[in-house]
Amino acid sequence: MFLYTYLYSAVSDRLAELRRDGERGDSPVPTAVIIFGLVAVAMAVTALALTKANDWMNAIPNNTQPK
């Protein structure tokens, strides 16, 4: 019987301590928004680099497309 009382007391104390702790970490929403923003910026930079590279290749005289 002592073991059950001890376990109940230990679990109750731990749960009460967790309820008192206000800082439980960050929610996943801001992290997802940041990741989405970074992906959008990476896609924009990639598209800009591809456009610049295609323009540069088309500016070469006697340019032929590879087959």
C-alpha atoms as a PDB file:
ATOM      1  CA  MET A   1       0.000   0.000   0.000  1.00  0.00           C
ATOM      2  CA  PHE A   2       2.910   2.330   0.713  1.00  0.00           C
ATOM      3  CA  LEU A   3       4.132   1.980  -2.888  1.00  0.00           C
ATOM      4  CA  TYR A   4       0.779   3.105  -4.324  1.00  0.00           C
ATOM      5  CA  THR A   5       0.657   6.082  -1.984  1.00  0.00           C
ATOM      6  CA  TYR A   6       4.215   7.053  -2.891  1.00  0.00           C
ATOM      7  CA  LEU A   7       3.526   6.761  -6.663  1.00  0.00           C
ATOM      8  CA  TYR A   8       0.308   8.758  -6.373  1.00  0.00           C
ATOM      9  CA  SER A   9       2.076  11.467  -4.412  1.00  0.00           C
ATOM     10  CA  ALA A  10       5.026  11.608  -6.828  1.00  0.00           C
ATOM     11  CA  VAL A  11       2.791  11.811  -9.906  1.00  0.00           C
ATOM     12  CA  SER A  12       0.546  14.439  -8.297  1.00  0.00           C
ATOM     13  CA  ASP A  13       3.528  16.593  -7.356  1.00  0.00           C
ATOM     14  CA  ARG A  14       5.015  16.318 -10.836  1.00  0.00           C
ATOM     15  CA  LEU A  15       1.734  17.221 -12.558  1.00  0.00           C
ATOM     16  CA  ALA A  16       1.283  20.200 -10.240  1.00  0.00           C
ATOM     17  CA  GLU A  17       4.818  21.360 -11.055  1.00  0.00           C
ATOM     18  CA  LEU A  18       4.135  21.059 -14.791  1.00  0.00           C
ATOM     19  CA  ARG A  19       0.933  23.079 -14.451  1.00  0.00           C
ATOM     20  CA  ARG A  20       2.793  25.871 -12.646  1.00  0.00           C
ATOM     21  CA  ASP A  21       5.494  26.096 -15.321  1.00  0.00           C
ATOM     22  CA  GLY A  22       4.249  28.742 -17.763  1.00  0.00           C
ATOM     23  CA  GLU A  23       7.122  28.434 -20.239  1.00  0.00           C
ATOM     24  CA  ARG A  24       6.354  25.283 -22.165  1.00  0.00           C
ATOM     25  CA  GLY A  25       8.152  26.095 -25.407  1.00  0.00           C
ATOM     26  CA  ASP A  26       7.139  27.602 -28.702  1.00  0.00           C
ATOM     27  CA  SER A  27       4.156  26.460 -30.720  1.00  0.00           C
ATOM     28  CA  PRO A  28       4.850  24.861 -34.115  1.00  0.00           C
ATOM     29  CA  VAL A  29       2.946  27.561 -36.023  1.00  0.00           C
ATOM     30  CA  PRO A  30       5.665  30.264 -36.007  1.00  0.00           C
ATOM     31  CA  THR A  31       8.244  27.648 -36.952  1.00  0.00           C
ATOM     32  CA  ALA A  32       6.116  26.515 -39.899  1.00  0.00           C
ATOM     33  CA  VAL A  33       5.636  30.116 -41.026  1.00  0.00           C
ATOM     34  CA  ILE A  34       9.385  30.752 -40.900  1.00  0.00           C
ATOM     35  CA  ILE A  35      10.095  27.572 -42.886  1.00  0.00           C
ATOM     36  CA  PHE A  36       7.464  28.513 -45.478  1.00  0.00           C
ATOM     37  CA  GLY A  37       9.019  31.969 -45.818  1.00  0.00           C
ATOM     38  CA  LEU A  38      12.505  30.532 -46.282  1.00  0.00           C
ATOM     39  CA  VAL A  39      11.242  28.127 -48.939  1.00  0.00           C
ATOM     40  CA  ALA A  40       9.493  30.972 -50.776  1.00  0.00           C
ATOM     41  CA  VAL A  41      12.673  33.078 -50.736  1.00  0.00           C
ATOM     42  CA  ALA A  42      14.746  30.124 -51.945  1.00  0.00           C
ATOM     43  CA  MET A  43      12.310  29.522 -54.825  1.00  0.00           C
ATOM     44  CA  ALA A  44      12.439  33.209 -55.804  1.00  0.00           C
ATOM     45  CA  VAL A  45      16.247  33.255 -55.779  1.00  0.00           C
ATOM     46  CA  THR A  46      16.365  30.059 -57.843  1.00  0.00           C
ATOM     47  CA  ALA A  47      13.903  31.453 -60.390  1.00  0.00           C
ATOM     48  CA  LEU A  48      15.881  34.693 -60.642  1.00  0.00           C
ATOM     49  CA  ALA A  49      19.154  32.809 -61.154  1.00  0.00           C
ATOM     50  CA  LEU A  50      17.554  30.587 -63.824  1.00  0.00           C
ATOM     51  CA  THR A  51      16.170  33.616 -65.655  1.00  0.00           C
ATOM     52  CA  LYS A  52      19.519  35.410 -65.578  1.00  0.00           C
ATOM     53  CA  ALA A  53      21.344  32.283 -66.784  1.00  0.00           C
ATOM     54  CA  ASN A  54      18.905  31.758 -69.665  1.00  0.00           C
ATOM     55  CA  ASP A  55      19.190  35.426 -70.685  1.00  0.00           C
ATOM     56  CA  TRP A  56      22.984  35.175 -70.592  1.00  0.00           C
ATOM     57  CA  MET A  57      22.974  31.990 -72.695  1.00  0.00           C
ATOM     58  CA  ASN A  58      20.582  33.509 -75.248  1.00  0.00           C
ATOM     59  CA  ALA A  59      22.860  36.553 -75.610  1.00  0.00           C
ATOM     60  CA  ILE A  60      25.691  34.367 -76.996  1.00  0.00           C
ATOM     61  CA  PRO A  61      26.078  34.850 -80.779  1.00  0.00           C
ATOM     62  CA  ASN A  62      25.365  31.778 -82.944  1.00  0.00           C
ATOM     63  CA  ASN A  63      23.572  30.127 -80.040  1.00  0.00           C
ATOM     64  CA  THR A  64      22.030  26.730 -80.804  1.00  0.00           C
ATOM     65  CA  GLN A  65      19.790  24.773 -78.475  1.00  0.00           C
ATOM     66  CA  PRO A  66      21.154  21.350 -77.403  1.00  0.00           C
ATOM     67  CA  LYS A  67      19.298  18.386 -78.838  1.00  0.00           C
END
